[in-house]
């Protein structure tokens, strides 16, 4: 009879340390892998006719291989009733900044959103939604950091031309609550004879 002796076997646990990526961007895909601890940023103040309080938009960017690109956006205001909306915009736009090599397409998407209650004139230009104003801030930021060329203003542009291109549908009157406000000579005017509301942006 063969007797098998138990031979103790020492088992050592080997820990394999994964290297921490030093680059903040995947060179092949252009997707930002890790966010640096410190980023440069620009803060813009937006006074909009669509919201009661001023909105502060902070846009962060990084520099890779001598080229600046956006990495995140923060939208803040003391108006807490729109906090959830600002949080959604912050997360979605920041995700686009980090996962897209060219995020300028977001401008067209935001500018394509129209407020159902109509817009207003600001500095001789017709603004059709709050999101279009956010797009203008982002566009200015892109120009400031060199992501896109600065576009000069079209010569001869006036409030009358902007009014001609503005939507002709009536807007809701803040005075009487009826859909009876239209734009005449750059002014918001209620055409209901019982109301007579008028607001000019001169």
N, C-alpha and C. Protein backbone atom coordinates (compact mmCIF):
# COMPACT_ATOMS: atom_id res chain seq x y z
N UNK A 1 0.85 -1.18 0.00
CA UNK A 1 0.00 0.00 0.00
C UNK A 1 0.89 1.23 0.00
N UNK A 2 0.54 2.12 -0.93
CA UNK A 2 1.36 3.33 -1.06
C UNK A 2 0.69 4.46 -0.29
N UNK A 3 1.46 5.04 0.60
CA UNK A 3 0.93 6.14 1.42
C UNK A 3 1.39 7.47 0.83
N UNK A 4 0.41 8.32 0.53
CA UNK A 4 0.71 9.63 -0.04
C UNK A 4 0.82 10.64 1.08
N UNK A 5 1.93 11.28 1.10
CA UNK A 5 2.12 12.31 2.13
C UNK A 5 1.61 13.65 1.61
N UNK A 6 1.00 14.40 2.48
CA UNK A 6 0.50 15.72 2.07
C UNK A 6 1.65 16.71 2.06
N UNK A 7 1.85 17.30 0.93
CA UNK A 7 2.94 18.28 0.76
C UNK A 7 2.33 19.68 0.77
N UNK A 8 2.70 20.46 1.74
CA UNK A 8 2.14 21.82 1.79
C UNK A 8 2.60 22.67 0.60
N UNK A 9 1.66 23.35 0.01
CA UNK A 9 1.97 24.20 -1.14
C UNK A 9 1.66 25.65 -0.75
N UNK A 10 2.65 26.49 -0.90
CA UNK A 10 2.47 27.91 -0.56
C UNK A 10 1.93 28.65 -1.77
N UNK A 11 0.83 29.31 -1.59
CA UNK A 11 0.22 30.08 -2.67
C UNK A 11 0.32 31.56 -2.32
N UNK A 12 0.94 32.28 -3.20
CA UNK A 12 1.09 33.71 -2.97
C UNK A 12 0.14 34.49 -3.88
N UNK A 13 -0.48 35.49 -3.33
CA UNK A 13 -1.38 36.34 -4.10
C UNK A 13 -0.55 37.42 -4.79
N UNK A 14 -0.68 37.47 -6.07
CA UNK A 14 0.08 38.44 -6.86
C UNK A 14 -0.87 39.55 -7.29
N UNK A 15 -0.55 40.75 -6.94
CA UNK A 15 -1.36 41.91 -7.32
C UNK A 15 -0.74 42.58 -8.55
N UNK A 16 -1.56 42.73 -9.55
CA UNK A 16 -1.11 43.39 -10.77
C UNK A 16 -1.67 44.81 -10.77
N UNK A 17 -0.78 45.75 -10.73
CA UNK A 17 -1.21 47.14 -10.73
C UNK A 17 -1.40 47.64 -12.16
N UNK A 18 -2.61 48.14 -12.42
CA UNK A 18 -2.88 48.68 -13.75
C UNK A 18 -2.28 50.07 -13.86
N UNK A 19 -1.62 50.34 -14.94
CA UNK A 19 -1.03 51.67 -15.09
C UNK A 19 -2.11 52.73 -15.21
N UNK A 20 -1.92 53.84 -14.55
CA UNK A 20 -2.86 54.95 -14.64
C UNK A 20 -2.55 55.73 -15.91
N UNK A 21 -3.55 55.93 -16.76
CA UNK A 21 -3.28 56.65 -18.01
C UNK A 21 -2.81 58.06 -17.74
N UNK A 22 -1.70 58.42 -18.33
CA UNK A 22 -1.15 59.75 -18.11
C UNK A 22 -1.75 60.76 -19.08
N UNK A 23 -2.21 60.27 -20.23
CA UNK A 23 -2.79 61.17 -21.21
C UNK A 23 -4.25 61.42 -20.88
N UNK A 24 -4.70 62.62 -21.14
CA UNK A 24 -6.09 62.96 -20.87
C UNK A 24 -6.97 62.69 -22.08
N UNK A 25 -6.37 62.21 -23.17
CA UNK A 25 -7.14 61.99 -24.38
C UNK A 25 -6.65 60.75 -25.11
N UNK A 26 -7.57 59.97 -25.67
CA UNK A 26 -7.22 58.84 -26.51
C UNK A 26 -6.78 59.37 -27.86
N UNK A 27 -5.53 59.13 -28.20
CA UNK A 27 -4.97 59.71 -29.42
C UNK A 27 -5.68 59.22 -30.67
N UNK A 28 -6.18 57.98 -30.66
CA UNK A 28 -6.81 57.42 -31.86
C UNK A 28 -8.24 57.92 -32.05
N UNK A 29 -9.03 57.90 -30.98
CA UNK A 29 -10.43 58.27 -31.12
C UNK A 29 -10.69 59.75 -30.86
N UNK A 30 -9.76 60.41 -30.16
CA UNK A 30 -9.97 61.81 -29.82
C UNK A 30 -10.88 62.01 -28.62
N UNK A 31 -11.32 60.91 -27.99
CA UNK A 31 -12.19 60.99 -26.83
C UNK A 31 -11.35 61.27 -25.59
N UNK A 32 -11.80 62.19 -24.76
CA UNK A 32 -11.09 62.52 -23.53
C UNK A 32 -11.30 61.39 -22.53
N UNK A 33 -10.20 60.75 -22.10
CA UNK A 33 -10.27 59.61 -21.20
C UNK A 33 -10.35 60.05 -19.76
N UNK A 34 -9.46 60.92 -19.36
CA UNK A 34 -9.44 61.40 -17.97
C UNK A 34 -9.47 62.92 -17.96
N UNK A 35 -10.18 63.45 -16.99
CA UNK A 35 -10.24 64.89 -16.85
C UNK A 35 -9.08 65.35 -15.99
N UNK A 36 -8.30 66.33 -16.45
CA UNK A 36 -7.21 66.86 -15.62
C UNK A 36 -7.75 67.47 -14.33
N UNK A 37 -6.92 67.50 -13.31
CA UNK A 37 -7.35 68.08 -12.04
C UNK A 37 -7.62 69.57 -12.16
N UNK A 38 -6.91 70.23 -13.05
CA UNK A 38 -7.06 71.67 -13.23
C UNK A 38 -7.27 71.96 -14.71
N UNK A 39 -8.31 72.73 -15.04
CA UNK A 39 -8.54 73.12 -16.43
C UNK A 39 -8.72 74.64 -16.48
N UNK A 40 -8.44 75.21 -17.64
CA UNK A 40 -8.70 76.63 -17.85
C UNK A 40 -10.19 76.81 -18.16
N UNK A 41 -10.72 77.97 -17.86
CA UNK A 41 -12.15 78.20 -18.08
C UNK A 41 -12.42 79.67 -18.33
N UNK A 42 -13.53 79.93 -18.99
CA UNK A 42 -14.03 81.28 -19.21
C UNK A 42 -15.47 81.34 -18.72
N UNK A 43 -15.82 82.44 -18.07
CA UNK A 43 -17.16 82.60 -17.52
C UNK A 43 -17.88 83.72 -18.27
N UNK A 44 -19.10 83.43 -18.72
CA UNK A 44 -19.89 84.40 -19.47
C UNK A 44 -21.20 84.67 -18.74
N UNK A 45 -21.61 85.92 -18.69
CA UNK A 45 -22.87 86.30 -18.05
C UNK A 45 -23.92 86.51 -19.14
N UNK A 46 -25.05 85.84 -18.99
CA UNK A 46 -26.12 85.93 -19.97
C UNK A 46 -27.35 86.55 -19.33
N UNK A 47 -27.80 87.66 -19.88
CA UNK A 47 -29.06 88.27 -19.46
C UNK A 47 -30.08 87.99 -20.57
N UNK A 48 -31.02 87.15 -20.25
CA UNK A 48 -31.97 86.67 -21.25
C UNK A 48 -33.38 87.13 -20.94
N UNK A 49 -34.15 87.38 -21.99
CA UNK A 49 -35.54 87.74 -21.83
C UNK A 49 -36.43 86.55 -21.54
N UNK A 50 -35.87 85.35 -21.63
CA UNK A 50 -36.64 84.13 -21.38
C UNK A 50 -36.62 83.69 -19.92
N UNK A 51 -35.69 84.24 -19.14
CA UNK A 51 -35.57 83.85 -17.72
C UNK A 51 -35.51 85.13 -16.87
N UNK A 52 -35.87 84.98 -15.59
CA UNK A 52 -35.95 86.14 -14.72
C UNK A 52 -34.59 86.65 -14.28
N UNK A 53 -33.67 85.73 -13.97
CA UNK A 53 -32.39 86.11 -13.40
C UNK A 53 -31.24 85.87 -14.39
N UNK A 54 -30.14 86.55 -14.16
CA UNK A 54 -28.96 86.37 -15.00
C UNK A 54 -28.45 84.94 -14.88
N UNK A 55 -27.91 84.43 -15.98
CA UNK A 55 -27.37 83.07 -16.02
C UNK A 55 -25.87 83.17 -16.25
N UNK A 56 -25.11 82.41 -15.46
CA UNK A 56 -23.65 82.39 -15.60
C UNK A 56 -23.23 81.06 -16.22
N UNK A 57 -22.55 81.16 -17.35
CA UNK A 57 -22.13 79.97 -18.09
C UNK A 57 -20.61 79.86 -18.03
N UNK A 58 -20.14 78.79 -17.41
CA UNK A 58 -18.70 78.54 -17.30
C UNK A 58 -18.30 77.44 -18.27
N UNK A 59 -17.34 77.74 -19.14
CA UNK A 59 -16.90 76.79 -20.15
C UNK A 59 -15.42 76.49 -19.94
N UNK A 60 -15.12 75.20 -19.69
CA UNK A 60 -13.74 74.77 -19.46
C UNK A 60 -13.13 74.18 -20.71
N UNK A 61 -11.80 74.29 -20.81
CA UNK A 61 -11.11 73.75 -21.98
C UNK A 61 -9.72 73.26 -21.59
N UNK A 62 -9.17 72.39 -22.42
CA UNK A 62 -7.82 71.87 -22.22
C UNK A 62 -7.02 72.12 -23.49
N UNK A 63 -5.72 71.92 -23.39
CA UNK A 63 -4.84 72.09 -24.55
C UNK A 63 -4.08 70.80 -24.79
N UNK A 64 -4.22 70.25 -25.99
CA UNK A 64 -3.53 69.01 -26.38
C UNK A 64 -2.79 69.25 -27.69
N UNK A 65 -1.49 69.02 -27.66
CA UNK A 65 -0.66 69.18 -28.86
C UNK A 65 -0.81 70.58 -29.47
N UNK A 66 -0.85 71.57 -28.59
CA UNK A 66 -0.93 72.95 -29.06
C UNK A 66 -2.30 73.37 -29.54
N UNK A 67 -3.31 72.53 -29.34
CA UNK A 67 -4.66 72.84 -29.80
C UNK A 67 -5.62 72.83 -28.62
N UNK A 68 -6.43 73.87 -28.51
CA UNK A 68 -7.39 73.96 -27.42
C UNK A 68 -8.71 73.32 -27.85
N UNK A 69 -9.34 72.64 -26.89
CA UNK A 69 -10.65 72.06 -27.16
C UNK A 69 -11.51 72.10 -25.90
N UNK A 70 -12.83 72.24 -26.05
CA UNK A 70 -13.71 72.32 -24.88
C UNK A 70 -13.79 70.98 -24.17
N UNK A 71 -14.04 71.03 -22.87
CA UNK A 71 -14.14 69.79 -22.10
C UNK A 71 -15.39 69.75 -21.23
N UNK A 72 -15.92 70.92 -20.82
CA UNK A 72 -17.09 70.89 -19.95
C UNK A 72 -17.78 72.24 -19.93
N UNK A 73 -19.04 72.23 -19.47
CA UNK A 73 -19.82 73.45 -19.34
C UNK A 73 -20.61 73.37 -18.03
N UNK A 74 -20.77 74.52 -17.37
CA UNK A 74 -21.60 74.61 -16.18
C UNK A 74 -22.53 75.81 -16.36
N UNK A 75 -23.82 75.61 -16.08
CA UNK A 75 -24.82 76.66 -16.21
C UNK A 75 -25.43 76.88 -14.83
N UNK A 76 -25.32 78.10 -14.32
CA UNK A 76 -25.78 78.39 -12.96
C UNK A 76 -26.60 79.67 -12.93
N UNK A 77 -27.58 79.68 -12.02
CA UNK A 77 -28.40 80.84 -11.78
C UNK A 77 -29.04 80.70 -10.40
N UNK A 78 -29.44 81.82 -9.82
CA UNK A 78 -30.10 81.74 -8.52
C UNK A 78 -31.57 81.34 -8.66
N UNK A 79 -32.05 81.21 -9.89
CA UNK A 79 -33.41 80.75 -10.14
C UNK A 79 -33.44 79.23 -10.04
N UNK A 80 -33.86 78.71 -8.89
CA UNK A 80 -33.85 77.28 -8.64
C UNK A 80 -34.95 76.53 -9.38
N UNK A 81 -35.93 77.24 -9.92
CA UNK A 81 -37.01 76.57 -10.63
C UNK A 81 -36.53 75.94 -11.94
N UNK A 82 -35.40 76.38 -12.45
CA UNK A 82 -34.85 75.84 -13.70
C UNK A 82 -33.57 75.05 -13.47
N UNK A 83 -33.29 74.72 -12.21
CA UNK A 83 -32.04 74.02 -11.88
C UNK A 83 -31.93 72.68 -12.58
N UNK A 84 -33.04 71.93 -12.64
CA UNK A 84 -33.01 70.61 -13.30
C UNK A 84 -32.72 70.75 -14.79
N UNK A 85 -33.30 71.76 -15.42
CA UNK A 85 -33.07 72.00 -16.84
C UNK A 85 -31.61 72.35 -17.10
N UNK A 86 -31.04 73.19 -16.25
CA UNK A 86 -29.63 73.56 -16.40
C UNK A 86 -28.72 72.36 -16.17
N UNK A 87 -29.09 71.48 -15.24
CA UNK A 87 -28.28 70.29 -14.98
C UNK A 87 -28.27 69.36 -16.19
N UNK A 88 -29.43 69.21 -16.84
CA UNK A 88 -29.50 68.37 -18.05
C UNK A 88 -28.63 68.95 -19.16
N UNK A 89 -28.74 70.25 -19.38
CA UNK A 89 -27.90 70.90 -20.40
C UNK A 89 -26.43 70.72 -20.09
N UNK A 90 -26.06 70.90 -18.83
CA UNK A 90 -24.67 70.76 -18.41
C UNK A 90 -24.12 69.38 -18.73
N UNK A 91 -24.86 68.34 -18.37
CA UNK A 91 -24.37 66.97 -18.57
C UNK A 91 -24.32 66.58 -20.04
N UNK A 92 -25.36 66.93 -20.79
CA UNK A 92 -25.40 66.54 -22.19
C UNK A 92 -24.32 67.25 -23.01
N UNK A 93 -24.21 68.56 -22.83
CA UNK A 93 -23.23 69.31 -23.62
C UNK A 93 -21.81 68.93 -23.21
N UNK A 94 -21.57 68.72 -21.92
CA UNK A 94 -20.23 68.29 -21.46
C UNK A 94 -19.87 66.94 -22.06
N UNK A 95 -20.84 66.02 -22.14
CA UNK A 95 -20.57 64.71 -22.74
C UNK A 95 -20.21 64.84 -24.21
N UNK A 96 -20.88 65.76 -24.90
CA UNK A 96 -20.56 65.99 -26.32
C UNK A 96 -19.15 66.56 -26.45
N UNK A 97 -18.79 67.48 -25.58
CA UNK A 97 -17.45 68.06 -25.63
C UNK A 97 -16.38 66.99 -25.47
N UNK A 98 -16.60 66.03 -24.58
CA UNK A 98 -15.57 65.04 -24.27
C UNK A 98 -15.51 63.90 -25.27
N UNK A 99 -16.62 63.60 -25.93
CA UNK A 99 -16.66 62.44 -26.81
C UNK A 99 -16.60 62.78 -28.29
N UNK A 100 -16.60 64.06 -28.62
CA UNK A 100 -16.57 64.47 -30.02
C UNK A 100 -15.30 65.25 -30.31
N UNK A 101 -14.68 64.95 -31.44
CA UNK A 101 -13.47 65.68 -31.84
C UNK A 101 -13.82 67.06 -32.39
N UNK A 102 -15.05 67.23 -32.87
CA UNK A 102 -15.50 68.52 -33.37
C UNK A 102 -16.91 68.76 -32.85
N UNK A 103 -17.01 69.56 -31.78
CA UNK A 103 -18.31 69.76 -31.11
C UNK A 103 -19.07 70.97 -31.65
N UNK A 104 -18.61 71.56 -32.75
CA UNK A 104 -19.27 72.77 -33.25
C UNK A 104 -20.68 72.48 -33.77
N UNK A 105 -20.99 71.20 -34.04
CA UNK A 105 -22.33 70.87 -34.54
C UNK A 105 -23.41 71.17 -33.51
N UNK A 106 -23.03 71.24 -32.23
CA UNK A 106 -24.00 71.51 -31.18
C UNK A 106 -24.63 72.89 -31.35
N UNK A 107 -23.92 73.80 -32.00
CA UNK A 107 -24.45 75.15 -32.20
C UNK A 107 -25.70 75.13 -33.06
N UNK A 108 -25.64 74.40 -34.16
CA UNK A 108 -26.80 74.30 -35.07
C UNK A 108 -27.98 73.64 -34.38
N UNK A 109 -27.70 72.62 -33.56
CA UNK A 109 -28.79 71.91 -32.88
C UNK A 109 -29.50 72.83 -31.88
N UNK A 110 -28.73 73.59 -31.10
CA UNK A 110 -29.34 74.48 -30.11
C UNK A 110 -30.06 75.65 -30.77
N UNK A 111 -29.48 76.18 -31.84
CA UNK A 111 -30.11 77.30 -32.53
C UNK A 111 -31.38 76.89 -33.25
N UNK A 112 -31.56 75.60 -33.46
CA UNK A 112 -32.76 75.11 -34.14
C UNK A 112 -33.95 74.92 -33.21
N UNK A 113 -33.80 75.26 -31.93
CA UNK A 113 -34.89 75.12 -30.97
C UNK A 113 -35.63 76.46 -30.86
N UNK A 114 -36.95 76.42 -31.05
CA UNK A 114 -37.78 77.62 -30.99
C UNK A 114 -38.68 77.58 -29.77
N UNK A 115 -38.79 78.69 -29.06
CA UNK A 115 -39.68 78.78 -27.92
C UNK A 115 -41.12 78.85 -28.42
N UNK A 116 -42.03 78.02 -27.89
CA UNK A 116 -43.42 78.02 -28.38
C UNK A 116 -44.15 79.33 -28.12
N UNK A 117 -43.67 80.13 -27.16
CA UNK A 117 -44.30 81.41 -26.86
C UNK A 117 -43.73 82.56 -27.66
N UNK A 118 -42.78 82.25 -28.55
CA UNK A 118 -42.17 83.30 -29.36
C UNK A 118 -40.92 83.86 -28.74
N UNK A 119 -40.24 84.71 -29.47
CA UNK A 119 -38.98 85.28 -29.01
C UNK A 119 -39.07 86.77 -28.76
N UNK A 120 -37.93 87.42 -28.83
CA UNK A 120 -37.88 88.87 -28.60
C UNK A 120 -36.67 89.44 -29.31
N UNK A 121 -36.65 90.77 -29.42
CA UNK A 121 -35.53 91.45 -30.05
C UNK A 121 -34.51 91.85 -29.01
N UNK A 122 -33.24 91.65 -29.34
CA UNK A 122 -32.14 92.00 -28.46
C UNK A 122 -31.01 92.58 -29.30
N UNK A 123 -30.71 93.85 -29.06
CA UNK A 123 -29.66 94.54 -29.82
C UNK A 123 -29.90 94.46 -31.33
N UNK A 124 -31.16 94.62 -31.73
CA UNK A 124 -31.49 94.62 -33.15
C UNK A 124 -31.56 93.25 -33.78
N UNK A 125 -31.49 92.19 -32.98
CA UNK A 125 -31.55 90.83 -33.52
C UNK A 125 -32.69 90.08 -32.86
N UNK A 126 -33.34 89.22 -33.64
CA UNK A 126 -34.45 88.44 -33.11
C UNK A 126 -33.91 87.17 -32.46
N UNK A 127 -34.23 86.96 -31.20
CA UNK A 127 -33.80 85.77 -30.46
C UNK A 127 -35.01 84.87 -30.29
N UNK A 128 -34.95 83.63 -30.78
CA UNK A 128 -36.15 82.79 -30.78
C UNK A 128 -36.21 81.76 -29.66
N UNK A 129 -35.16 81.64 -28.83
CA UNK A 129 -35.24 80.72 -27.68
C UNK A 129 -34.05 80.95 -26.75
N UNK A 130 -34.23 80.49 -25.51
CA UNK A 130 -33.14 80.56 -24.54
C UNK A 130 -31.96 79.69 -24.99
N UNK A 131 -32.28 78.56 -25.61
CA UNK A 131 -31.23 77.63 -26.05
C UNK A 131 -30.40 78.25 -27.18
N UNK A 132 -31.03 79.07 -28.00
CA UNK A 132 -30.28 79.77 -29.05
C UNK A 132 -29.31 80.77 -28.42
N UNK A 133 -29.69 81.38 -27.31
CA UNK A 133 -28.79 82.30 -26.61
C UNK A 133 -27.61 81.54 -26.00
N UNK A 134 -27.88 80.35 -25.46
CA UNK A 134 -26.79 79.51 -24.93
C UNK A 134 -25.84 79.14 -26.07
N UNK A 135 -26.40 78.84 -27.24
CA UNK A 135 -25.56 78.50 -28.40
C UNK A 135 -24.67 79.67 -28.79
N UNK A 136 -25.17 80.88 -28.69
CA UNK A 136 -24.36 82.05 -29.03
C UNK A 136 -23.21 82.22 -28.05
N UNK A 137 -23.46 81.91 -26.76
CA UNK A 137 -22.38 81.98 -25.78
C UNK A 137 -21.31 80.93 -26.10
N UNK A 138 -21.75 79.72 -26.42
CA UNK A 138 -20.80 78.65 -26.74
C UNK A 138 -20.02 79.01 -28.00
N UNK A 139 -20.70 79.59 -28.98
CA UNK A 139 -20.02 79.99 -30.22
C UNK A 139 -18.95 81.06 -29.94
N UNK A 140 -19.30 82.01 -29.09
CA UNK A 140 -18.33 83.04 -28.70
C UNK A 140 -17.13 82.39 -28.00
N UNK A 141 -17.40 81.40 -27.15
CA UNK A 141 -16.34 80.68 -26.45
C UNK A 141 -15.44 79.94 -27.45
N UNK A 142 -16.04 79.27 -28.42
CA UNK A 142 -15.26 78.58 -29.45
C UNK A 142 -14.34 79.55 -30.18
N UNK A 143 -14.85 80.74 -30.46
CA UNK A 143 -14.04 81.74 -31.15
C UNK A 143 -12.93 82.26 -30.24
N UNK A 144 -13.23 82.40 -28.95
CA UNK A 144 -12.24 82.92 -28.00
C UNK A 144 -11.05 81.97 -27.84
N UNK A 145 -11.30 80.65 -27.87
CA UNK A 145 -10.21 79.70 -27.67
C UNK A 145 -9.64 79.19 -29.00
N UNK A 146 -10.19 79.67 -30.12
CA UNK A 146 -9.64 79.32 -31.42
C UNK A 146 -10.18 78.03 -32.03
N UNK A 147 -11.32 77.54 -31.54
CA UNK A 147 -11.91 76.33 -32.13
C UNK A 147 -12.56 76.60 -33.47
N UNK A 148 -13.01 77.83 -33.68
CA UNK A 148 -13.62 78.20 -34.94
C UNK A 148 -13.32 79.66 -35.21
N UNK A 149 -13.28 80.05 -36.47
CA UNK A 149 -12.93 81.43 -36.80
C UNK A 149 -14.01 82.40 -36.35
N UNK A 150 -13.58 83.61 -36.03
CA UNK A 150 -14.55 84.64 -35.64
C UNK A 150 -15.30 85.12 -36.87
N UNK A 151 -16.60 85.15 -36.74
CA UNK A 151 -17.44 85.58 -37.87
C UNK A 151 -17.77 87.05 -37.70
N UNK A 152 -17.47 87.86 -38.72
CA UNK A 152 -17.82 89.27 -38.66
C UNK A 152 -19.31 89.46 -38.85
N UNK A 153 -19.84 90.55 -38.31
CA UNK A 153 -21.26 90.81 -38.46
C UNK A 153 -21.58 91.20 -39.88
N UNK A 154 -22.73 90.77 -40.33
CA UNK A 154 -23.14 91.08 -41.70
C UNK A 154 -23.44 92.57 -41.82
N UNK A 155 -22.80 93.28 -42.75
CA UNK A 155 -23.05 94.70 -42.90
C UNK A 155 -24.48 94.96 -43.36
N UNK A 156 -25.06 96.04 -42.85
CA UNK A 156 -26.41 96.40 -43.27
C UNK A 156 -27.50 95.69 -42.50
N UNK A 157 -27.15 94.84 -41.56
CA UNK A 157 -28.18 94.14 -40.78
C UNK A 157 -28.87 95.14 -39.87
N UNK A 158 -30.15 95.02 -39.76
CA UNK A 158 -30.93 95.95 -38.96
C UNK A 158 -32.08 95.23 -38.30
N UNK A 159 -32.72 95.91 -37.39
CA UNK A 159 -33.88 95.33 -36.72
C UNK A 159 -35.01 95.07 -37.70
N UNK A 160 -35.13 95.92 -38.73
CA UNK A 160 -36.18 95.72 -39.73
C UNK A 160 -35.96 94.42 -40.50
N UNK A 161 -34.69 94.12 -40.86
CA UNK A 161 -34.39 92.87 -41.56
C UNK A 161 -34.65 91.68 -40.66
N UNK A 162 -34.26 91.80 -39.38
CA UNK A 162 -34.49 90.71 -38.45
C UNK A 162 -35.97 90.46 -38.27
N UNK A 163 -36.76 91.55 -38.26
CA UNK A 163 -38.21 91.41 -38.11
C UNK A 163 -38.81 90.69 -39.30
N UNK A 164 -38.28 90.96 -40.50
CA UNK A 164 -38.79 90.31 -41.70
C UNK A 164 -38.53 88.82 -41.68
N UNK A 165 -37.43 88.40 -41.04
CA UNK A 165 -37.08 86.98 -40.98
C UNK A 165 -37.67 86.28 -39.76
N UNK A 166 -38.28 87.05 -38.88
CA UNK A 166 -38.82 86.47 -37.65
C UNK A 166 -40.11 85.71 -37.93
N UNK A 167 -40.45 84.73 -37.10
CA UNK A 167 -41.71 84.01 -37.27
C UNK A 167 -42.88 84.97 -37.16
N UNK A 168 -43.91 84.77 -37.99
CA UNK A 168 -45.05 85.68 -38.03
C UNK A 168 -46.17 85.26 -37.09
N UNK A 169 -46.08 84.10 -36.47
CA UNK A 169 -47.14 83.66 -35.58
C UNK A 169 -47.23 84.53 -34.34
N UNK A 170 -48.44 84.65 -33.82
CA UNK A 170 -48.66 85.50 -32.65
C UNK A 170 -48.12 84.83 -31.39
N UNK A 171 -47.76 85.67 -30.44
CA UNK A 171 -47.20 85.21 -29.17
C UNK A 171 -48.19 85.48 -28.05
N UNK A 172 -47.96 84.86 -26.90
CA UNK A 172 -48.84 85.04 -25.76
C UNK A 172 -48.55 86.38 -25.09
N UNK A 173 -49.60 87.14 -24.85
CA UNK A 173 -49.45 88.45 -24.22
C UNK A 173 -49.29 88.28 -22.71
N UNK A 174 -48.25 88.89 -22.12
CA UNK A 174 -48.06 88.77 -20.66
C UNK A 174 -49.09 89.56 -19.86
N UNK A 175 -49.82 90.46 -20.55
CA UNK A 175 -50.81 91.30 -19.86
C UNK A 175 -52.18 90.64 -19.81
N UNK A 176 -52.69 90.23 -20.98
CA UNK A 176 -54.05 89.68 -21.03
C UNK A 176 -54.07 88.16 -21.15
N UNK A 177 -52.93 87.55 -21.46
CA UNK A 177 -52.86 86.09 -21.54
C UNK A 177 -53.34 85.51 -22.85
N UNK A 178 -53.75 86.34 -23.80
CA UNK A 178 -54.21 85.85 -25.10
C UNK A 178 -53.03 85.75 -26.07
N UNK A 179 -53.18 84.88 -27.08
CA UNK A 179 -52.16 84.78 -28.12
C UNK A 179 -52.42 85.88 -29.15
N UNK A 180 -51.99 87.09 -28.80
CA UNK A 180 -52.34 88.24 -29.62
C UNK A 180 -51.20 89.26 -29.73
N UNK A 181 -49.98 88.82 -29.46
CA UNK A 181 -48.83 89.74 -29.52
C UNK A 181 -48.05 89.50 -30.81
N UNK A 182 -47.76 90.58 -31.52
CA UNK A 182 -46.93 90.49 -32.72
C UNK A 182 -45.88 91.60 -32.66
N UNK A 183 -44.93 91.55 -33.58
CA UNK A 183 -43.84 92.52 -33.61
C UNK A 183 -44.12 93.58 -34.66
N UNK A 184 -44.11 94.83 -34.24
CA UNK A 184 -44.30 95.95 -35.16
C UNK A 184 -43.20 96.97 -34.92
N UNK A 185 -42.38 97.19 -35.93
CA UNK A 185 -41.27 98.15 -35.84
C UNK A 185 -40.36 97.89 -34.65
N UNK A 186 -40.10 96.61 -34.40
CA UNK A 186 -39.20 96.24 -33.32
C UNK A 186 -39.84 96.21 -31.95
N UNK A 187 -41.16 96.41 -31.87
CA UNK A 187 -41.86 96.42 -30.58
C UNK A 187 -42.81 95.24 -30.49
N UNK A 188 -42.94 94.69 -29.29
CA UNK A 188 -43.94 93.67 -29.03
C UNK A 188 -45.24 94.38 -28.71
N UNK A 189 -46.28 94.16 -29.54
CA UNK A 189 -47.54 94.88 -29.41
C UNK A 189 -48.69 93.88 -29.39
N UNK A 190 -49.60 94.06 -28.42
CA UNK A 190 -50.80 93.23 -28.35
C UNK A 190 -51.85 93.86 -29.25
N UNK A 191 -52.37 93.06 -30.20
CA UNK A 191 -53.35 93.58 -31.16
C UNK A 191 -54.77 93.50 -30.64
N UNK A 192 -54.95 92.95 -29.44
CA UNK A 192 -56.28 92.91 -28.84
C UNK A 192 -56.66 94.33 -28.42
N UNK A 193 -57.77 94.87 -28.96
CA UNK A 193 -58.12 96.27 -28.64
C UNK A 193 -58.45 96.50 -27.17
N UNK A 194 -58.81 95.43 -26.45
CA UNK A 194 -59.14 95.59 -25.04
C UNK A 194 -57.89 95.60 -24.15
N UNK A 195 -56.74 95.28 -24.75
CA UNK A 195 -55.52 95.19 -23.94
C UNK A 195 -54.57 96.35 -24.25
N UNK A 196 -54.02 96.35 -25.45
CA UNK A 196 -53.13 97.43 -25.83
C UNK A 196 -51.73 97.36 -25.27
N UNK A 197 -51.33 96.16 -24.82
CA UNK A 197 -49.97 96.00 -24.27
C UNK A 197 -48.92 96.30 -25.33
N UNK A 198 -47.85 96.95 -24.93
CA UNK A 198 -46.76 97.27 -25.85
C UNK A 198 -45.44 97.28 -25.07
N UNK A 199 -44.43 96.65 -25.66
CA UNK A 199 -43.10 96.65 -25.06
C UNK A 199 -42.08 96.80 -26.18
N UNK A 200 -41.31 97.84 -26.09
CA UNK A 200 -40.29 98.09 -27.11
C UNK A 200 -38.91 97.77 -26.55
N UNK A 201 -38.05 97.25 -27.42
CA UNK A 201 -36.69 96.92 -27.04
C UNK A 201 -35.75 97.83 -27.82
N UNK A 202 -35.66 99.09 -27.40
CA UNK A 202 -34.81 100.07 -28.08
C UNK A 202 -33.62 100.40 -27.21
